[in-house]
């Protein structure tokens, strides 16, 4: 399985928002710079996540984006479902493959899909943000 750039970048941006200590909105340009993502590309992802309620926008001079709900309530699966444009992890699920009734490998793919879903549902933005913060501190301590 190969995750799309859209999903990977979207998760990175969401982790960055989860790391905001004071819940102040982050300007799109700033978020794009922090994650080395094109502003235009990030804007498309943000729009989709905003519609899904994962992100909230704040208007005005001090405006920007923040999480639409607490970081411990948003899973990687939530982001994946919004940003993965293919819709299915494997092709034989929808529409059903003509071999569905006698395919010897279909069971493996269905099991794989369930495992992927389980892992992505088990990881929250809070967990990823905390892990990234720990790793950043470790790197900073090594460079002193």
N, C-alpha and C. Protein backbone atom coordinates (compact mmCIF):
# COMPACT_ATOMS: atom_id res chain seq x y z
N UNK A 1 0.85 -1.18 0.00
CA UNK A 1 0.00 0.00 0.00
C UNK A 1 0.89 1.24 0.00
N UNK A 2 0.55 2.18 -0.81
CA UNK A 2 1.27 3.44 -0.84
C UNK A 2 0.30 4.57 -0.54
N UNK A 3 0.56 5.30 0.53
CA UNK A 3 -0.29 6.42 0.88
C UNK A 3 -0.02 7.58 -0.08
N UNK A 4 -1.06 8.28 -0.43
CA UNK A 4 -0.91 9.43 -1.33
C UNK A 4 -0.18 10.56 -0.60
N UNK A 5 0.42 11.41 -1.40
CA UNK A 5 1.07 12.61 -0.85
C UNK A 5 0.04 13.45 -0.12
N UNK A 6 -1.15 13.50 -0.67
CA UNK A 6 -2.24 14.29 -0.07
C UNK A 6 -2.51 13.83 1.37
N UNK A 7 -2.55 12.53 1.59
CA UNK A 7 -2.80 12.00 2.93
C UNK A 7 -1.59 12.29 3.84
N UNK A 8 -0.41 12.00 3.36
CA UNK A 8 0.80 12.21 4.18
C UNK A 8 0.96 13.68 4.57
N UNK A 9 0.82 14.57 3.62
CA UNK A 9 0.95 16.01 3.90
C UNK A 9 -0.18 16.49 4.82
N UNK A 10 -1.38 15.96 4.59
CA UNK A 10 -2.51 16.35 5.43
C UNK A 10 -2.31 15.94 6.88
N UNK A 11 -1.80 14.75 7.09
CA UNK A 11 -1.53 14.30 8.46
C UNK A 11 -0.45 15.17 9.09
N UNK A 12 0.60 15.48 8.34
CA UNK A 12 1.67 16.34 8.87
C UNK A 12 1.13 17.71 9.28
N UNK A 13 0.30 18.29 8.44
CA UNK A 13 -0.27 19.61 8.75
C UNK A 13 -1.16 19.53 9.99
N UNK A 14 -1.94 18.48 10.09
CA UNK A 14 -2.82 18.32 11.25
C UNK A 14 -2.02 18.11 12.54
N UNK A 15 -0.92 17.37 12.45
CA UNK A 15 -0.05 17.20 13.62
C UNK A 15 0.50 18.56 14.04
N UNK A 16 0.89 19.37 13.08
CA UNK A 16 1.41 20.70 13.39
C UNK A 16 0.34 21.53 14.12
N UNK A 17 -0.89 21.46 13.66
CA UNK A 17 -1.97 22.17 14.35
C UNK A 17 -2.19 21.62 15.76
N UNK A 18 -2.06 20.33 15.91
CA UNK A 18 -2.24 19.70 17.23
C UNK A 18 -1.16 20.13 18.21
N UNK A 19 -0.01 20.52 17.70
CA UNK A 19 1.09 20.94 18.57
C UNK A 19 0.95 22.38 19.06
N UNK A 20 -0.02 23.11 18.57
CA UNK A 20 -0.21 24.48 19.02
C UNK A 20 -0.66 24.47 20.47
N UNK A 21 0.10 25.12 21.32
CA UNK A 21 -0.16 25.07 22.76
C UNK A 21 -1.37 25.90 23.17
N UNK A 22 -1.58 27.02 22.55
CA UNK A 22 -2.60 27.96 23.01
C UNK A 22 -3.87 27.97 22.16
N UNK A 23 -3.99 27.08 21.21
CA UNK A 23 -5.16 26.98 20.34
C UNK A 23 -5.36 28.22 19.47
N UNK A 24 -4.31 29.04 19.35
CA UNK A 24 -4.40 30.18 18.45
C UNK A 24 -4.40 29.68 17.01
N UNK A 25 -5.14 30.34 16.14
CA UNK A 25 -5.16 29.91 14.74
C UNK A 25 -3.81 30.14 14.06
N UNK A 26 -3.48 29.25 13.15
CA UNK A 26 -2.22 29.33 12.41
C UNK A 26 -2.55 29.77 10.99
N UNK A 27 -1.91 30.84 10.51
CA UNK A 27 -2.14 31.26 9.12
C UNK A 27 -1.71 30.15 8.15
N UNK A 28 -2.46 30.02 7.06
CA UNK A 28 -2.19 28.98 6.07
C UNK A 28 -0.75 29.07 5.57
N UNK A 29 -0.29 30.26 5.27
CA UNK A 29 1.06 30.45 4.76
C UNK A 29 2.10 29.94 5.74
N UNK A 30 1.89 30.21 7.02
CA UNK A 30 2.82 29.77 8.07
C UNK A 30 2.82 28.24 8.18
N UNK A 31 1.64 27.65 8.14
CA UNK A 31 1.52 26.19 8.22
C UNK A 31 2.21 25.54 7.02
N UNK A 32 2.00 26.11 5.84
CA UNK A 32 2.63 25.58 4.63
C UNK A 32 4.15 25.66 4.72
N UNK A 33 4.67 26.78 5.23
CA UNK A 33 6.12 26.95 5.38
C UNK A 33 6.69 25.95 6.38
N UNK A 34 6.01 25.78 7.51
CA UNK A 34 6.48 24.86 8.55
C UNK A 34 6.59 23.43 8.02
N UNK A 35 5.69 23.05 7.14
CA UNK A 35 5.64 21.68 6.66
C UNK A 35 6.21 21.51 5.25
N UNK A 36 6.75 22.59 4.68
CA UNK A 36 7.31 22.56 3.32
C UNK A 36 6.30 22.00 2.31
N UNK A 37 5.10 22.55 2.38
CA UNK A 37 4.01 22.17 1.49
C UNK A 37 3.58 23.41 0.72
N UNK A 38 3.29 23.25 -0.54
CA UNK A 38 2.77 24.35 -1.34
C UNK A 38 1.50 24.91 -0.70
N UNK A 39 1.41 26.22 -0.61
CA UNK A 39 0.23 26.86 -0.01
C UNK A 39 -1.03 26.48 -0.76
N UNK A 40 -0.96 26.46 -2.07
CA UNK A 40 -2.14 26.12 -2.89
C UNK A 40 -2.58 24.67 -2.65
N UNK A 41 -1.62 23.77 -2.57
CA UNK A 41 -1.93 22.35 -2.32
C UNK A 41 -2.52 22.18 -0.92
N UNK A 42 -1.91 22.83 0.06
CA UNK A 42 -2.40 22.74 1.43
C UNK A 42 -3.81 23.32 1.54
N UNK A 43 -4.07 24.38 0.82
CA UNK A 43 -5.38 25.02 0.84
C UNK A 43 -6.47 24.04 0.42
N UNK A 44 -6.20 23.21 -0.58
CA UNK A 44 -7.16 22.21 -1.04
C UNK A 44 -7.44 21.17 0.05
N UNK A 45 -6.38 20.74 0.73
CA UNK A 45 -6.55 19.75 1.79
C UNK A 45 -7.31 20.34 2.97
N UNK A 46 -6.95 21.57 3.33
CA UNK A 46 -7.61 22.27 4.45
C UNK A 46 -9.10 22.41 4.17
N UNK A 47 -9.46 22.78 2.93
CA UNK A 47 -10.87 22.95 2.57
C UNK A 47 -11.64 21.65 2.79
N UNK A 48 -11.08 20.53 2.37
CA UNK A 48 -11.76 19.24 2.55
C UNK A 48 -11.89 18.89 4.03
N UNK A 49 -10.85 19.14 4.80
CA UNK A 49 -10.89 18.81 6.23
C UNK A 49 -11.81 19.76 7.00
N UNK A 50 -11.93 20.98 6.50
CA UNK A 50 -12.86 21.94 7.12
C UNK A 50 -14.30 21.47 6.92
N UNK A 51 -14.63 21.03 5.72
CA UNK A 51 -15.97 20.52 5.43
C UNK A 51 -16.28 19.33 6.33
N UNK A 52 -15.28 18.50 6.59
CA UNK A 52 -15.47 17.31 7.44
C UNK A 52 -15.48 17.65 8.93
N UNK A 53 -15.21 18.90 9.29
CA UNK A 53 -15.23 19.30 10.70
C UNK A 53 -13.93 19.02 11.44
N UNK A 54 -12.89 18.61 10.73
CA UNK A 54 -11.60 18.34 11.38
C UNK A 54 -10.82 19.61 11.63
N UNK A 55 -11.11 20.66 10.86
CA UNK A 55 -10.42 21.94 10.98
C UNK A 55 -11.46 23.04 11.07
N UNK A 56 -11.14 24.07 11.85
CA UNK A 56 -11.98 25.26 11.95
C UNK A 56 -11.16 26.45 11.47
N UNK A 57 -11.83 27.41 10.87
CA UNK A 57 -11.13 28.60 10.41
C UNK A 57 -11.55 29.79 11.25
N UNK A 58 -10.62 30.72 11.39
CA UNK A 58 -10.86 31.95 12.14
C UNK A 58 -10.55 33.10 11.20
N UNK A 59 -11.50 34.00 11.01
CA UNK A 59 -11.31 35.12 10.11
C UNK A 59 -10.63 36.29 10.82
N UNK A 60 -10.10 37.20 10.04
CA UNK A 60 -9.56 38.43 10.59
C UNK A 60 -8.04 38.46 10.53
N UNK A 61 -7.50 39.57 11.02
CA UNK A 61 -6.06 39.81 10.97
C UNK A 61 -5.28 38.75 11.74
N UNK A 62 -5.84 38.25 12.79
CA UNK A 62 -5.19 37.21 13.60
C UNK A 62 -5.76 35.84 13.28
N UNK A 63 -6.37 35.72 12.12
CA UNK A 63 -7.05 34.48 11.75
C UNK A 63 -6.13 33.41 11.22
N UNK A 64 -6.73 32.31 10.88
CA UNK A 64 -6.00 31.15 10.37
C UNK A 64 -6.82 29.90 10.62
N UNK A 65 -6.12 28.81 10.88
CA UNK A 65 -6.78 27.52 11.07
C UNK A 65 -6.33 26.87 12.37
N UNK A 66 -7.26 26.12 12.93
CA UNK A 66 -6.97 25.31 14.12
C UNK A 66 -7.81 24.05 14.01
N UNK A 67 -7.55 23.12 14.90
CA UNK A 67 -8.31 21.87 14.89
C UNK A 67 -9.79 22.14 15.16
N UNK A 68 -10.62 21.36 14.51
CA UNK A 68 -12.07 21.50 14.68
C UNK A 68 -12.60 20.78 15.91
N UNK A 69 -11.80 19.91 16.47
CA UNK A 69 -12.13 19.22 17.71
C UNK A 69 -10.82 18.83 18.39
N UNK A 70 -10.87 18.39 19.63
CA UNK A 70 -9.63 18.08 20.35
C UNK A 70 -8.75 17.05 19.63
N UNK A 71 -7.44 17.22 19.76
CA UNK A 71 -6.47 16.36 19.08
C UNK A 71 -6.60 14.90 19.48
N UNK A 72 -7.07 14.63 20.67
CA UNK A 72 -7.22 13.23 21.08
C UNK A 72 -8.52 12.61 20.56
N UNK A 73 -9.32 13.39 19.83
CA UNK A 73 -10.54 12.87 19.23
C UNK A 73 -10.43 12.72 17.71
N UNK A 74 -9.30 13.10 17.15
CA UNK A 74 -9.09 12.98 15.71
C UNK A 74 -8.05 11.90 15.46
N UNK A 75 -8.42 10.90 14.68
CA UNK A 75 -7.48 9.82 14.37
C UNK A 75 -6.91 10.01 12.96
N UNK A 76 -5.85 9.31 12.69
CA UNK A 76 -5.27 9.31 11.36
C UNK A 76 -6.30 8.77 10.36
N UNK A 77 -7.11 7.83 10.78
CA UNK A 77 -8.16 7.29 9.93
C UNK A 77 -9.14 8.39 9.49
N UNK A 78 -9.49 9.28 10.41
CA UNK A 78 -10.39 10.38 10.08
C UNK A 78 -9.83 11.22 8.93
N UNK A 79 -8.55 11.51 9.01
CA UNK A 79 -7.89 12.31 7.98
C UNK A 79 -7.79 11.52 6.69
N UNK A 80 -7.41 10.28 6.79
CA UNK A 80 -7.29 9.41 5.62
C UNK A 80 -8.61 9.36 4.85
N UNK A 81 -9.71 9.15 5.56
CA UNK A 81 -11.02 9.04 4.91
C UNK A 81 -11.38 10.31 4.15
N UNK A 82 -10.97 11.46 4.66
CA UNK A 82 -11.28 12.73 4.00
C UNK A 82 -10.36 12.98 2.80
N UNK A 83 -9.08 12.67 2.96
CA UNK A 83 -8.10 13.08 1.95
C UNK A 83 -7.77 12.03 0.90
N UNK A 84 -8.07 10.76 1.16
CA UNK A 84 -7.75 9.74 0.16
C UNK A 84 -8.80 9.77 -0.93
N UNK A 85 -8.42 10.25 -2.09
CA UNK A 85 -9.38 10.44 -3.18
C UNK A 85 -9.77 9.14 -3.87
N UNK A 86 -8.97 8.08 -3.72
CA UNK A 86 -9.30 6.83 -4.38
C UNK A 86 -10.52 6.16 -3.75
N UNK A 87 -10.72 6.38 -2.46
CA UNK A 87 -11.89 5.83 -1.79
C UNK A 87 -11.75 4.42 -1.26
N UNK A 88 -10.92 3.61 -1.88
CA UNK A 88 -10.74 2.22 -1.45
C UNK A 88 -9.26 1.90 -1.37
N UNK A 89 -8.89 1.09 -0.39
CA UNK A 89 -7.50 0.68 -0.25
C UNK A 89 -7.14 -0.33 -1.34
N UNK A 90 -8.08 -1.21 -1.67
CA UNK A 90 -7.85 -2.19 -2.73
C UNK A 90 -8.98 -2.11 -3.76
N UNK A 91 -8.66 -2.45 -4.98
CA UNK A 91 -9.62 -2.32 -6.08
C UNK A 91 -10.75 -3.34 -6.06
N UNK A 92 -10.56 -4.48 -5.45
CA UNK A 92 -11.57 -5.52 -5.57
C UNK A 92 -12.77 -5.32 -4.64
N UNK A 93 -12.77 -4.25 -3.88
CA UNK A 93 -13.88 -4.02 -2.98
C UNK A 93 -15.06 -3.33 -3.66
N UNK A 94 -14.78 -2.30 -4.42
CA UNK A 94 -15.86 -1.51 -4.97
C UNK A 94 -15.44 -0.89 -6.29
N UNK A 95 -16.09 -1.13 -7.41
CA UNK A 95 -17.14 -2.14 -7.56
C UNK A 95 -16.52 -3.53 -7.44
N UNK A 96 -17.33 -4.49 -7.06
CA UNK A 96 -16.78 -5.84 -6.87
C UNK A 96 -16.14 -6.38 -8.15
N UNK A 97 -15.04 -7.02 -7.97
CA UNK A 97 -14.32 -7.67 -9.05
C UNK A 97 -15.16 -8.85 -9.57
N UNK A 98 -15.05 -9.13 -10.85
CA UNK A 98 -15.80 -10.26 -11.42
C UNK A 98 -15.32 -11.60 -10.87
N UNK A 99 -14.17 -11.63 -10.21
CA UNK A 99 -13.63 -12.87 -9.65
C UNK A 99 -14.01 -13.06 -8.17
N UNK A 100 -14.82 -12.18 -7.65
CA UNK A 100 -15.10 -12.15 -6.21
C UNK A 100 -15.56 -13.50 -5.64
N UNK A 101 -16.33 -14.25 -6.40
CA UNK A 101 -16.87 -15.52 -5.89
C UNK A 101 -15.85 -16.64 -5.81
N UNK A 102 -14.76 -16.53 -6.52
CA UNK A 102 -13.77 -17.62 -6.54
C UNK A 102 -12.33 -17.14 -6.40
N UNK A 103 -12.12 -15.94 -5.96
CA UNK A 103 -10.77 -15.39 -5.84
C UNK A 103 -10.09 -15.92 -4.57
N UNK A 104 -8.97 -16.58 -4.76
CA UNK A 104 -8.23 -17.13 -3.63
C UNK A 104 -7.44 -16.09 -2.85
N UNK A 105 -7.20 -14.95 -3.44
CA UNK A 105 -6.39 -13.93 -2.76
C UNK A 105 -7.22 -12.84 -2.09
N UNK A 106 -8.49 -12.76 -2.41
CA UNK A 106 -9.33 -11.68 -1.89
C UNK A 106 -9.31 -11.61 -0.36
N UNK A 107 -9.31 -12.75 0.30
CA UNK A 107 -9.30 -12.79 1.76
C UNK A 107 -8.09 -12.09 2.35
N UNK A 108 -6.95 -12.24 1.70
CA UNK A 108 -5.73 -11.57 2.17
C UNK A 108 -5.91 -10.06 2.09
N UNK A 109 -6.47 -9.58 0.98
CA UNK A 109 -6.63 -8.14 0.79
C UNK A 109 -7.65 -7.56 1.75
N UNK A 110 -8.71 -8.29 1.99
CA UNK A 110 -9.72 -7.83 2.94
C UNK A 110 -9.12 -7.76 4.34
N UNK A 111 -8.34 -8.76 4.71
CA UNK A 111 -7.67 -8.77 6.02
C UNK A 111 -6.69 -7.60 6.14
N UNK A 112 -5.96 -7.33 5.06
CA UNK A 112 -5.02 -6.22 5.04
C UNK A 112 -5.74 -4.89 5.24
N UNK A 113 -6.84 -4.71 4.57
CA UNK A 113 -7.62 -3.47 4.70
C UNK A 113 -8.08 -3.29 6.15
N UNK A 114 -8.55 -4.35 6.76
CA UNK A 114 -9.00 -4.27 8.16
C UNK A 114 -7.83 -3.92 9.08
N UNK A 115 -6.66 -4.49 8.83
CA UNK A 115 -5.48 -4.19 9.67
C UNK A 115 -5.06 -2.74 9.51
N UNK A 116 -5.06 -2.25 8.28
CA UNK A 116 -4.70 -0.85 8.04
C UNK A 116 -5.67 0.07 8.76
N UNK A 117 -6.95 -0.21 8.63
CA UNK A 117 -7.97 0.61 9.28
C UNK A 117 -7.79 0.59 10.81
N UNK A 118 -7.50 -0.58 11.35
CA UNK A 118 -7.30 -0.70 12.80
C UNK A 118 -6.13 0.16 13.27
N UNK A 119 -5.01 0.10 12.55
CA UNK A 119 -3.83 0.89 12.92
C UNK A 119 -4.13 2.38 12.82
N UNK A 120 -4.73 2.81 11.71
CA UNK A 120 -4.99 4.24 11.52
C UNK A 120 -6.01 4.76 12.52
N UNK A 121 -6.94 3.93 12.93
CA UNK A 121 -7.92 4.35 13.94
C UNK A 121 -7.31 4.40 15.34
N UNK A 122 -6.22 3.68 15.55
CA UNK A 122 -5.61 3.62 16.88
C UNK A 122 -4.66 4.78 17.17
N UNK A 123 -4.36 5.58 16.16
CA UNK A 123 -3.41 6.69 16.33
C UNK A 123 -4.14 8.03 16.28
N UNK A 124 -4.05 8.78 17.38
CA UNK A 124 -4.68 10.10 17.42
C UNK A 124 -3.65 11.19 17.11
N UNK A 125 -4.16 12.35 16.77
CA UNK A 125 -3.26 13.49 16.54
C UNK A 125 -2.49 13.83 17.81
N UNK A 126 -3.12 13.68 18.96
CA UNK A 126 -2.42 13.98 20.22
C UNK A 126 -1.21 13.06 20.37
N UNK A 127 -1.38 11.77 20.09
CA UNK A 127 -0.26 10.84 20.20
C UNK A 127 0.86 11.22 19.23
N UNK A 128 0.51 11.53 18.00
CA UNK A 128 1.52 11.88 17.00
C UNK A 128 2.21 13.20 17.34
N UNK A 129 1.44 14.18 17.82
CA UNK A 129 2.02 15.47 18.19
C UNK A 129 2.98 15.30 19.37
N UNK A 130 2.58 14.52 20.36
CA UNK A 130 3.45 14.28 21.52
C UNK A 130 4.73 13.55 21.10
N UNK A 131 4.59 12.57 20.22
CA UNK A 131 5.76 11.84 19.74
C UNK A 131 6.70 12.77 18.97
N UNK A 132 6.14 13.60 18.11
CA UNK A 132 6.98 14.52 17.33
C UNK A 132 7.69 15.50 18.24
N UNK A 133 7.03 15.99 19.26
CA UNK A 133 7.65 16.92 20.22
C UNK A 133 8.81 16.24 20.94
N UNK A 134 8.61 14.99 21.36
CA UNK A 134 9.70 14.25 22.01
C UNK A 134 10.89 14.08 21.07
N UNK A 135 10.63 13.74 19.82
CA UNK A 135 11.71 13.55 18.85
C UNK A 135 12.44 14.86 18.56
N UNK A 136 11.70 15.95 18.47
CA UNK A 136 12.33 17.26 18.25
C UNK A 136 13.25 17.63 19.43
N UNK A 137 12.81 17.35 20.64
CA UNK A 137 13.64 17.63 21.83
C UNK A 137 14.90 16.78 21.82
N UNK A 138 14.76 15.53 21.42
CA UNK A 138 15.91 14.64 21.35
C UNK A 138 16.93 15.14 20.33
N UNK A 139 16.47 15.54 19.17
CA UNK A 139 17.35 16.07 18.14
C UNK A 139 18.01 17.35 18.60
N UNK A 140 17.26 18.23 19.26
CA UNK A 140 17.81 19.49 19.75
C UNK A 140 18.88 19.24 20.81
N UNK A 141 18.65 18.25 21.68
CA UNK A 141 19.61 17.94 22.73
C UNK A 141 20.91 17.38 22.13
N UNK A 142 20.80 16.62 21.06
CA UNK A 142 22.00 16.06 20.39
C UNK A 142 22.83 17.13 19.71
N UNK A 143 22.17 18.18 19.24
CA UNK A 143 22.90 19.21 18.48
C UNK A 143 23.53 20.27 19.36
N UNK A 144 23.37 20.17 20.67
CA UNK A 144 23.98 21.15 21.58
C UNK A 144 25.41 20.83 21.84
